[in-house]
């Protein structure tokens, strides 16, 4: 079974190969933020929470996700290599 760390490594690798950046997101004093901010060409910014396969968001993470969505941001939860591939396809299909 994959670990969250393995899924995160695959995400970083694929984002870099697509010409983007997947930066670790740490916000002192504000817990529950997503693991990565992904910056892609065309000014696209994505919020990504990484999980081991089948793991769910905590209640705090759900609350933070809902707040970001209220603000109009897309929030992705990725827990498999397949989900990484789907994410890359989605964020790469933008006008350049």
PDB file of N, CA and C in Angstrom:
ATOM      1  N   UNK A   1       0.840  -1.188   0.000  1.00  0.00           N
ATOM      2  CA  UNK A   1       0.000   0.000   0.000  1.00  0.00           C
ATOM      3  C   UNK A   1       0.883   1.248   0.000  1.00  0.00           C
ATOM      4  N   UNK A   2       0.460   2.243  -0.732  1.00  0.00           N
ATOM      5  CA  UNK A   2       1.207   3.504  -0.814  1.00  0.00           C
ATOM      6  C   UNK A   2       1.094   4.291   0.484  1.00  0.00           C
ATOM      7  N   UNK A   3       2.132   5.049   0.779  1.00  0.00           N
ATOM      8  CA  UNK A   3       2.079   5.972   1.913  1.00  0.00           C
ATOM      9  C   UNK A   3       1.794   7.374   1.378  1.00  0.00           C
ATOM     10  N   UNK A   4       1.388   8.256   2.272  1.00  0.00           N
ATOM     11  CA  UNK A   4       1.173   9.654   1.889  1.00  0.00           C
ATOM     12  C   UNK A   4       2.462  10.257   1.334  1.00  0.00           C
ATOM     13  N   UNK A   5       3.580   9.894   1.937  1.00  0.00           N
ATOM     14  CA  UNK A   5       4.877  10.412   1.494  1.00  0.00           C
ATOM     15  C   UNK A   5       5.171  10.019   0.043  1.00  0.00           C
ATOM     16  N   UNK A   6       4.817   8.800  -0.339  1.00  0.00           N
ATOM     17  CA  UNK A   6       5.037   8.343  -1.715  1.00  0.00           C
ATOM     18  C   UNK A   6       4.134   9.100  -2.695  1.00  0.00           C
ATOM     19  N   UNK A   7       2.891   9.316  -2.317  1.00  0.00           N
ATOM     20  CA  UNK A   7       1.970  10.061  -3.169  1.00  0.00           C
ATOM     21  C   UNK A   7       2.469  11.497  -3.324  1.00  0.00           C
ATOM     22  N   UNK A   8       2.947  12.084  -2.229  1.00  0.00           N
ATOM     23  CA  UNK A   8       3.463  13.447  -2.270  1.00  0.00           C
ATOM     24  C   UNK A   8       4.694  13.548  -3.178  1.00  0.00           C
ATOM     25  N   UNK A   9       5.580  12.579  -3.097  1.00  0.00           N
ATOM     26  CA  UNK A   9       6.776  12.583  -3.945  1.00  0.00           C
ATOM     27  C   UNK A   9       6.384  12.503  -5.422  1.00  0.00           C
ATOM     28  N   UNK A  10       5.395  11.670  -5.742  1.00  0.00           N
ATOM     29  CA  UNK A  10       4.936  11.542  -7.132  1.00  0.00           C
ATOM     30  C   UNK A  10       4.331  12.868  -7.603  1.00  0.00           C
ATOM     31  N   UNK A  11       3.555  13.512  -6.745  1.00  0.00           N
ATOM     32  CA  UNK A  11       2.974  14.807  -7.110  1.00  0.00           C
ATOM     33  C   UNK A  11       4.070  15.818  -7.425  1.00  0.00           C
ATOM     34  N   UNK A  12       5.059  15.946  -6.549  1.00  0.00           N
ATOM     35  CA  UNK A  12       6.158  16.897  -6.779  1.00  0.00           C
ATOM     36  C   UNK A  12       6.859  16.608  -8.103  1.00  0.00           C
ATOM     37  N   UNK A  13       7.135  15.339  -8.358  1.00  0.00           N
ATOM     38  CA  UNK A  13       7.820  14.924  -9.587  1.00  0.00           C
ATOM     39  C   UNK A  13       7.004  15.296 -10.836  1.00  0.00           C
ATOM     40  N   UNK A  14       5.723  14.992 -10.824  1.00  0.00           N
ATOM     41  CA  UNK A  14       4.870  15.238 -11.986  1.00  0.00           C
ATOM     42  C   UNK A  14       4.619  16.732 -12.205  1.00  0.00           C
ATOM     43  N   UNK A  15       4.453  17.482 -11.135  1.00  0.00           N
ATOM     44  CA  UNK A  15       4.257  18.927 -11.265  1.00  0.00           C
ATOM     45  C   UNK A  15       5.517  19.562 -11.853  1.00  0.00           C
ATOM     46  N   UNK A  16       6.670  19.159 -11.361  1.00  0.00           N
ATOM     47  CA  UNK A  16       7.932  19.695 -11.879  1.00  0.00           C
ATOM     48  C   UNK A  16       8.087  19.365 -13.361  1.00  0.00           C
ATOM     49  N   UNK A  17       7.769  18.125 -13.744  1.00  0.00           N
ATOM     50  CA  UNK A  17       7.873  17.711 -15.148  1.00  0.00           C
ATOM     51  C   UNK A  17       6.923  18.506 -16.043  1.00  0.00           C
ATOM     52  N   UNK A  18       5.812  18.974 -15.468  1.00  0.00           N
ATOM     53  CA  UNK A  18       4.838  19.767 -16.224  1.00  0.00           C
ATOM     54  C   UNK A  18       5.181  21.253 -16.211  1.00  0.00           C
ATOM     55  N   UNK A  19       6.320  21.604 -15.608  1.00  0.00           N
ATOM     56  CA  UNK A  19       6.765  22.997 -15.609  1.00  0.00           C
ATOM     57  C   UNK A  19       6.253  23.828 -14.458  1.00  0.00           C
ATOM     58  N   UNK A  20       5.703  23.179 -13.430  1.00  0.00           N
ATOM     59  CA  UNK A  20       5.156  23.913 -12.289  1.00  0.00           C
ATOM     60  C   UNK A  20       5.985  23.755 -11.034  1.00  0.00           C
ATOM     61  N   UNK A  21       5.459  24.308  -9.961  1.00  0.00           N
ATOM     62  CA  UNK A  21       6.073  24.220  -8.637  1.00  0.00           C
ATOM     63  C   UNK A  21       5.047  23.654  -7.670  1.00  0.00           C
ATOM     64  N   UNK A  22       5.476  22.747  -6.792  1.00  0.00           N
ATOM     65  CA  UNK A  22       4.615  22.199  -5.742  1.00  0.00           C
ATOM     66  C   UNK A  22       5.289  22.506  -4.411  1.00  0.00           C
ATOM     67  N   UNK A  23       4.918  23.631  -3.829  1.00  0.00           N
ATOM     68  CA  UNK A  23       5.580  24.103  -2.619  1.00  0.00           C
ATOM     69  C   UNK A  23       4.848  23.644  -1.365  1.00  0.00           C
ATOM     70  N   UNK A  24       5.637  23.241  -0.355  1.00  0.00           N
ATOM     71  CA  UNK A  24       5.072  22.852   0.931  1.00  0.00           C
ATOM     72  C   UNK A  24       4.396  24.068   1.548  1.00  0.00           C
ATOM     73  N   UNK A  25       3.203  23.889   2.071  1.00  0.00           N
ATOM     74  CA  UNK A  25       2.433  24.980   2.665  1.00  0.00           C
ATOM     75  C   UNK A  25       2.401  24.775   4.175  1.00  0.00           C
ATOM     76  N   UNK A  26       3.054  25.690   4.894  1.00  0.00           N
ATOM     77  CA  UNK A  26       3.046  25.681   6.351  1.00  0.00           C
ATOM     78  C   UNK A  26       2.599  27.059   6.793  1.00  0.00           C
ATOM     79  N   UNK A  27       1.612  27.098   7.665  1.00  0.00           N
ATOM     80  CA  UNK A  27       1.081  28.372   8.120  1.00  0.00           C
ATOM     81  C   UNK A  27       1.033  28.390   9.641  1.00  0.00           C
ATOM     82  N   UNK A  28       2.093  28.889  10.274  1.00  0.00           N
ATOM     83  CA  UNK A  28       2.099  28.931  11.745  1.00  0.00           C
ATOM     84  C   UNK A  28       0.882  29.700  12.276  1.00  0.00           C
ATOM     85  N   UNK A  29       0.237  29.116  13.254  1.00  0.00           N
ATOM     86  CA  UNK A  29      -0.916  29.773  13.855  1.00  0.00           C
ATOM     87  C   UNK A  29      -2.226  29.494  13.147  1.00  0.00           C
ATOM     88  N   UNK A  30      -2.179  28.775  12.003  1.00  0.00           N
ATOM     89  CA  UNK A  30      -3.404  28.438  11.265  1.00  0.00           C
ATOM     90  C   UNK A  30      -3.267  26.986  10.821  1.00  0.00           C
ATOM     91  N   UNK A  31      -3.793  26.081  11.608  1.00  0.00           N
ATOM     92  CA  UNK A  31      -3.638  24.664  11.309  1.00  0.00           C
ATOM     93  C   UNK A  31      -4.721  24.164  10.360  1.00  0.00           C
ATOM     94  N   UNK A  32      -4.453  23.031   9.752  1.00  0.00           N
ATOM     95  CA  UNK A  32      -5.414  22.413   8.851  1.00  0.00           C
ATOM     96  C   UNK A  32      -5.270  22.812   7.400  1.00  0.00           C
ATOM     97  N   UNK A  33      -4.232  23.613   7.084  1.00  0.00           N
ATOM     98  CA  UNK A  33      -4.041  24.047   5.694  1.00  0.00           C
ATOM     99  C   UNK A  33      -3.603  22.863   4.830  1.00  0.00           C
ATOM    100  N   UNK A  34      -3.848  22.932   3.520  1.00  0.00           N
ATOM    101  CA  UNK A  34      -3.429  21.832   2.643  1.00  0.00           C
ATOM    102  C   UNK A  34      -1.915  21.681   2.625  1.00  0.00           C
ATOM    103  N   UNK A  35      -1.461  20.493   2.240  1.00  0.00           N
ATOM    104  CA  UNK A  35      -0.026  20.175   2.253  1.00  0.00           C
ATOM    105  C   UNK A  35       0.788  20.969   1.242  1.00  0.00           C
ATOM    106  N   UNK A  36       0.222  21.180   0.042  1.00  0.00           N
ATOM    107  CA  UNK A  36       0.982  21.802  -1.039  1.00  0.00           C
ATOM    108  C   UNK A  36       0.189  22.898  -1.736  1.00  0.00           C
ATOM    109  N   UNK A  37       0.912  23.935  -2.120  1.00  0.00           N
ATOM    110  CA  UNK A  37       0.403  24.946  -3.051  1.00  0.00           C
ATOM    111  C   UNK A  37       1.069  24.627  -4.381  1.00  0.00           C
ATOM    112  N   UNK A  38       0.267  24.413  -5.388  1.00  0.00           N
ATOM    113  CA  UNK A  38       0.808  24.063  -6.706  1.00  0.00           C
ATOM    114  C   UNK A  38       0.605  25.246  -7.639  1.00  0.00           C
ATOM    115  N   UNK A  39       1.693  25.711  -8.222  1.00  0.00           N
ATOM    116  CA  UNK A  39       1.692  26.843  -9.145  1.00  0.00           C
ATOM    117  C   UNK A  39       1.982  26.306 -10.537  1.00  0.00           C
ATOM    118  N   UNK A  40       1.048  26.560 -11.454  1.00  0.00           N
ATOM    119  CA  UNK A  40       1.198  26.076 -12.830  1.00  0.00           C
ATOM    120  C   UNK A  40       1.201  27.253 -13.797  1.00  0.00           C
ATOM    121  N   UNK A  41       1.631  26.976 -15.011  1.00  0.00           N
ATOM    122  CA  UNK A  41       1.644  28.008 -16.046  1.00  0.00           C
ATOM    123  C   UNK A  41       0.267  28.623 -16.210  1.00  0.00           C
ATOM    124  N   UNK A  42       0.246  29.835 -16.681  1.00  0.00           N
ATOM    125  CA  UNK A  42      -1.019  30.520 -16.888  1.00  0.00           C
ATOM    126  C   UNK A  42      -1.576  31.137 -15.617  1.00  0.00           C
ATOM    127  N   UNK A  43      -0.765  31.183 -14.559  1.00  0.00           N
ATOM    128  CA  UNK A  43      -1.200  31.804 -13.314  1.00  0.00           C
ATOM    129  C   UNK A  43      -2.137  30.942 -12.482  1.00  0.00           C
ATOM    130  N   UNK A  44      -2.116  29.666 -12.706  1.00  0.00           N
ATOM    131  CA  UNK A  44      -3.008  28.757 -11.984  1.00  0.00           C
ATOM    132  C   UNK A  44      -2.391  28.351 -10.659  1.00  0.00           C
ATOM    133  N   UNK A  45      -3.172  28.499  -9.586  1.00  0.00           N
ATOM    134  CA  UNK A  45      -2.744  28.087  -8.250  1.00  0.00           C
ATOM    135  C   UNK A  45      -3.745  27.053  -7.744  1.00  0.00           C
ATOM    136  N   UNK A  46      -3.247  25.934  -7.258  1.00  0.00           N
ATOM    137  CA  UNK A  46      -4.096  24.862  -6.746  1.00  0.00           C
ATOM    138  C   UNK A  46      -3.697  24.519  -5.318  1.00  0.00           C
ATOM    139  N   UNK A  47      -4.679  24.200  -4.516  1.00  0.00           N
ATOM    140  CA  UNK A  47      -4.468  23.763  -3.143  1.00  0.00           C
ATOM    141  C   UNK A  47      -4.600  22.245  -3.120  1.00  0.00           C
ATOM    142  N   UNK A  48      -3.598  21.558  -2.562  1.00  0.00           N
ATOM    143  CA  UNK A  48      -3.588  20.101  -2.600  1.00  0.00           C
ATOM    144  C   UNK A  48      -3.330  19.529  -1.210  1.00  0.00           C
ATOM    145  N   UNK A  49      -4.252  18.690  -0.770  1.00  0.00           N
ATOM    146  CA  UNK A  49      -4.063  17.897   0.453  1.00  0.00           C
ATOM    147  C   UNK A  49      -3.731  16.482   0.008  1.00  0.00           C
ATOM    148  N   UNK A  50      -2.674  15.936   0.558  1.00  0.00           N
ATOM    149  CA  UNK A  50      -2.245  14.580   0.211  1.00  0.00           C
ATOM    150  C   UNK A  50      -2.583  13.632   1.350  1.00  0.00           C
ATOM    151  N   UNK A  51      -3.011  12.440   0.959  1.00  0.00           N
ATOM    152  CA  UNK A  51      -3.394  11.415   1.924  1.00  0.00           C
ATOM    153  C   UNK A  51      -2.882  10.066   1.456  1.00  0.00           C
ATOM    154  N   UNK A  52      -2.741   9.144   2.388  1.00  0.00           N
ATOM    155  CA  UNK A  52      -2.502   7.751   2.017  1.00  0.00           C
ATOM    156  C   UNK A  52      -3.813   7.236   1.421  1.00  0.00           C
ATOM    157  N   UNK A  53      -3.737   6.226   0.544  1.00  0.00           N
ATOM    158  CA  UNK A  53      -4.962   5.722  -0.078  1.00  0.00           C
ATOM    159  C   UNK A  53      -6.044   5.381   0.952  1.00  0.00           C
ATOM    160  N   UNK A  54      -7.241   5.915   0.681  1.00  0.00           N
ATOM    161  CA  UNK A  54      -8.391   5.636   1.532  1.00  0.00           C
ATOM    162  C   UNK A  54      -8.518   6.479   2.777  1.00  0.00           C
ATOM    163  N   UNK A  55      -7.506   7.252   3.111  1.00  0.00           N
ATOM    164  CA  UNK A  55      -7.574   8.093   4.309  1.00  0.00           C
ATOM    165  C   UNK A  55      -8.442   9.313   4.023  1.00  0.00           C
ATOM    166  N   UNK A  56      -9.133   9.788   5.035  1.00  0.00           N
ATOM    167  CA  UNK A  56     -10.062  10.898   4.889  1.00  0.00           C
ATOM    168  C   UNK A  56      -9.511  12.161   5.545  1.00  0.00           C
ATOM    169  N   UNK A  57     -10.067  13.302   5.146  1.00  0.00           N
ATOM    170  CA  UNK A  57      -9.715  14.568   5.790  1.00  0.00           C
ATOM    171  C   UNK A  57     -10.180  14.552   7.238  1.00  0.00           C
ATOM    172  N   UNK A  58      -9.431  15.244   8.097  1.00  0.00           N
ATOM    173  CA  UNK A  58      -9.878  15.424   9.468  1.00  0.00           C
ATOM    174  C   UNK A  58     -10.993  16.475   9.468  1.00  0.00           C
ATOM    175  N   UNK A  59     -11.704  16.583  10.568  1.00  0.00           N
ATOM    176  CA  UNK A  59     -12.776  17.593  10.666  1.00  0.00           C
ATOM    177  C   UNK A  59     -12.206  18.990  10.444  1.00  0.00           C
ATOM    178  N   UNK A  60     -11.027  19.273  11.009  1.00  0.00           N
ATOM    179  CA  UNK A  60     -10.403  20.585  10.824  1.00  0.00           C
ATOM    180  C   UNK A  60     -10.046  20.808   9.358  1.00  0.00           C
ATOM    181  N   UNK A  61      -9.485  19.792   8.703  1.00  0.00           N
ATOM    182  CA  UNK A  61      -9.146  19.915   7.286  1.00  0.00           C
ATOM    183  C   UNK A  61     -10.395  20.140   6.438  1.00  0.00           C
ATOM    184  N   UNK A  62     -11.492  19.485   6.783  1.00  0.00           N
ATOM    185  CA  UNK A  62     -12.747  19.709   6.062  1.00  0.00           C
ATOM    186  C   UNK A  62     -13.210  21.154   6.210  1.00  0.00           C
ATOM    187  N   UNK A  63     -13.099  21.690   7.412  1.00  0.00           N
ATOM    188  CA  UNK A  63     -13.504  23.071   7.666  1.00  0.00           C
ATOM    189  C   UNK A  63     -12.647  24.049   6.857  1.00  0.00           C
ATOM    190  N   UNK A  64     -11.338  23.821   6.852  1.00  0.00           N
ATOM    191  CA  UNK A  64     -10.426  24.688   6.088  1.00  0.00           C
ATOM    192  C   UNK A  64     -10.697  24.539   4.595  1.00  0.00           C
ATOM    193  N   UNK A  65     -10.900  23.311   4.115  1.00  0.00           N
ATOM    194  CA  UNK A  65     -11.231  23.076   2.699  1.00  0.00           C
ATOM    195  C   UNK A  65     -12.481  23.856   2.306  1.00  0.00           C
ATOM    196  N   UNK A  66     -13.497  23.766   3.148  1.00  0.00           N
ATOM    197  CA  UNK A  66     -14.754  24.455   2.854  1.00  0.00           C
ATOM    198  C   UNK A  66     -14.557  25.965   2.799  1.00  0.00           C
ATOM    199  N   UNK A  67     -13.706  26.499   3.649  1.00  0.00           N
ATOM    200  CA  UNK A  67     -13.436  27.944   3.637  1.00  0.00           C
ATOM    201  C   UNK A  67     -12.740  28.351   2.351  1.00  0.00           C
ATOM    202  N   UNK A  68     -11.734  27.583   1.930  1.00  0.00           N
ATOM    203  CA  UNK A  68     -11.049  27.889   0.674  1.00  0.00           C
ATOM    204  C   UNK A  68     -12.012  27.807  -0.505  1.00  0.00           C
ATOM    205  N   UNK A  69     -12.890  26.812  -0.502  1.00  0.00           N
ATOM    206  CA  UNK A  69     -13.876  26.688  -1.575  1.00  0.00           C
ATOM    207  C   UNK A  69     -14.837  27.878  -1.579  1.00  0.00           C
ATOM    208  N   UNK A  70     -15.239  28.350  -0.383  1.00  0.00           N
ATOM    209  CA  UNK A  70     -16.089  29.540  -0.295  1.00  0.00           C
ATOM    210  C   UNK A  70     -15.411  30.749  -0.926  1.00  0.00           C
ATOM    211  N   UNK A  71     -14.092  30.793  -0.836  1.00  0.00           N
ATOM    212  CA  UNK A  71     -13.321  31.892  -1.413  1.00  0.00           C
ATOM    213  C   UNK A  71     -13.094  31.711  -2.917  1.00  0.00           C
ATOM    214  N   UNK A  72     -13.542  30.578  -3.458  1.00  0.00           N
ATOM    215  CA  UNK A  72     -13.449  30.352  -4.894  1.00  0.00           C
ATOM    216  C   UNK A  72     -12.250  29.543  -5.359  1.00  0.00           C
ATOM    217  N   UNK A  73     -11.512  28.952  -4.434  1.00  0.00           N
ATOM    218  CA  UNK A  73     -10.342  28.154  -4.812  1.00  0.00           C
ATOM    219  C   UNK A  73     -10.711  26.699  -5.012  1.00  0.00           C
ATOM    220  N   UNK A  74     -10.048  26.055  -5.969  1.00  0.00           N
ATOM    221  CA  UNK A  74     -10.191  24.613  -6.129  1.00  0.00           C
ATOM    222  C   UNK A  74      -9.294  23.955  -5.093  1.00  0.00           C
ATOM    223  N   UNK A  75      -9.807  22.932  -4.473  1.00  0.00           N
ATOM    224  CA  UNK A  75      -9.096  22.224  -3.413  1.00  0.00           C
ATOM    225  C   UNK A  75      -9.098  20.747  -3.788  1.00  0.00           C
ATOM    226  N   UNK A  76      -7.924  20.175  -3.961  1.00  0.00           N
ATOM    227  CA  UNK A  76      -7.796  18.794  -4.415  1.00  0.00           C
ATOM    228  C   UNK A  76      -7.308  17.911  -3.270  1.00  0.00           C
ATOM    229  N   UNK A  77      -7.939  16.767  -3.108  1.00  0.00           N
ATOM    230  CA  UNK A  77      -7.454  15.745  -2.183  1.00  0.00           C
ATOM    231  C   UNK A  77      -6.946  14.602  -3.058  1.00  0.00           C
ATOM    232  N   UNK A  78      -5.672  14.291  -2.903  1.00  0.00           N
ATOM    233  CA  UNK A  78      -5.020  13.295  -3.752  1.00  0.00           C
ATOM    234  C   UNK A  78      -4.479  12.181  -2.865  1.00  0.00           C
ATOM    235  N   UNK A  79      -4.886  10.930  -3.187  1.00  0.00           N
ATOM    236  CA  UNK A  79      -4.461   9.808  -2.351  1.00  0.00           C
ATOM    237  C   UNK A  79      -3.933   8.604  -3.127  1.00  0.00           C
ATOM    238  N   UNK A  80      -3.785   8.752  -4.448  1.00  0.00           N
ATOM    239  CA  UNK A  80      -3.246   7.653  -5.263  1.00  0.00           C
ATOM    240  C   UNK A  80      -2.402   8.223  -6.396  1.00  0.00           C
ATOM    241  N   UNK A  81      -1.599   7.371  -7.014  1.00  0.00           N
ATOM    242  CA  UNK A  81      -0.845   7.791  -8.187  1.00  0.00           C
ATOM    243  C   UNK A  81      -1.796   8.160  -9.320  1.00  0.00           C
ATOM    244  N   UNK A  82      -2.891   7.419  -9.463  1.00  0.00           N
ATOM    245  CA  UNK A  82      -3.875   7.724 -10.497  1.00  0.00           C
ATOM    246  C   UNK A  82      -4.470   9.117 -10.294  1.00  0.00           C
ATOM    247  N   UNK A  83      -4.734   9.470  -9.050  1.00  0.00           N
ATOM    248  CA  UNK A  83      -5.269  10.801  -8.751  1.00  0.00           C
ATOM    249  C   UNK A  83      -4.246  11.887  -9.080  1.00  0.00           C
ATOM    250  N   UNK A  84      -2.950  11.580  -8.902  1.00  0.00           N
ATOM    251  CA  UNK A  84      -1.897  12.526  -9.297  1.00  0.00           C
ATOM    252  C   UNK A  84      -1.968  12.748 -10.802  1.00  0.00           C
ATOM    253  N   UNK A  85      -2.078  11.671 -11.563  1.00  0.00           N
ATOM    254  CA  UNK A  85      -2.140  11.776 -13.026  1.00  0.00           C
ATOM    255  C   UNK A  85      -3.360  12.579 -13.466  1.00  0.00           C
ATOM    256  N   UNK A  86      -4.507  12.318 -12.853  1.00  0.00           N
ATOM    257  CA  UNK A  86      -5.725  13.059 -13.182  1.00  0.00           C
ATOM    258  C   UNK A  86      -5.561  14.546 -12.874  1.00  0.00           C
ATOM    259  N   UNK A  87      -4.938  14.851 -11.747  1.00  0.00           N
ATOM    260  CA  UNK A  87      -4.691  16.239 -11.358  1.00  0.00           C
ATOM    261  C   UNK A  87      -3.804  16.932 -12.384  1.00  0.00           C
ATOM    262  N   UNK A  88      -2.723  16.281 -12.789  1.00  0.00           N
ATOM    263  CA  UNK A  88      -1.791  16.865 -13.759  1.00  0.00           C
ATOM    264  C   UNK A  88      -2.503  17.132 -15.086  1.00  0.00           C
ATOM    265  N   UNK A  89      -3.322  16.184 -15.535  1.00  0.00           N
ATOM    266  CA  UNK A  89      -4.083  16.392 -16.772  1.00  0.00           C
ATOM    267  C   UNK A  89      -4.991  17.611 -16.641  1.00  0.00           C
ATOM    268  N   UNK A  90      -5.660  17.727 -15.517  1.00  0.00           N
ATOM    269  CA  UNK A  90      -6.594  18.850 -15.316  1.00  0.00           C
ATOM    270  C   UNK A  90      -5.859  20.191 -15.308  1.00  0.00           C
ATOM    271  N   UNK A  91      -4.783  20.293 -14.550  1.00  0.00           N
ATOM    272  CA  UNK A  91      -4.117  21.593 -14.405  1.00  0.00           C
ATOM    273  C   UNK A  91      -3.214  21.922 -15.584  1.00  0.00           C
ATOM    274  N   UNK A  92      -2.941  20.959 -16.436  1.00  0.00           N
ATOM    275  CA  UNK A  92      -2.142  21.214 -17.630  1.00  0.00           C
ATOM    276  C   UNK A  92      -3.007  21.657 -18.803  1.00  0.00           C
ATOM    277  N   UNK A  93      -4.306  21.462 -18.731  1.00  0.00           N
ATOM    278  CA  UNK A  93      -5.224  21.834 -19.807  1.00  0.00           C
ATOM    279  C   UNK A  93      -5.732  23.255 -19.622  1.00  0.00           C
ATOM    280  N   UNK A  94      -4.796  24.205 -19.691  1.00  0.00           N
ATOM    281  CA  UNK A  94      -5.146  25.610 -19.578  1.00  0.00           C
ATOM    282  C   UNK A  94      -4.512  26.369 -20.725  1.00  0.00           C
ATOM    283  N   UNK A  95      -5.040  27.515 -21.007  1.00  0.00           N
ATOM    284  CA  UNK A  95      -4.469  28.370 -22.057  1.00  0.00           C
ATOM    285  C   UNK A  95      -3.069  28.811 -21.621  1.00  0.00           C
ATOM    286  N   UNK A  96      -2.166  28.800 -22.556  1.00  0.00           N
ATOM    287  CA  UNK A  96      -0.801  29.252 -22.228  1.00  0.00           C
ATOM    288  C   UNK A  96      -0.492  30.541 -22.931  1.00  0.00           C
TER     289      UNK A  96
END
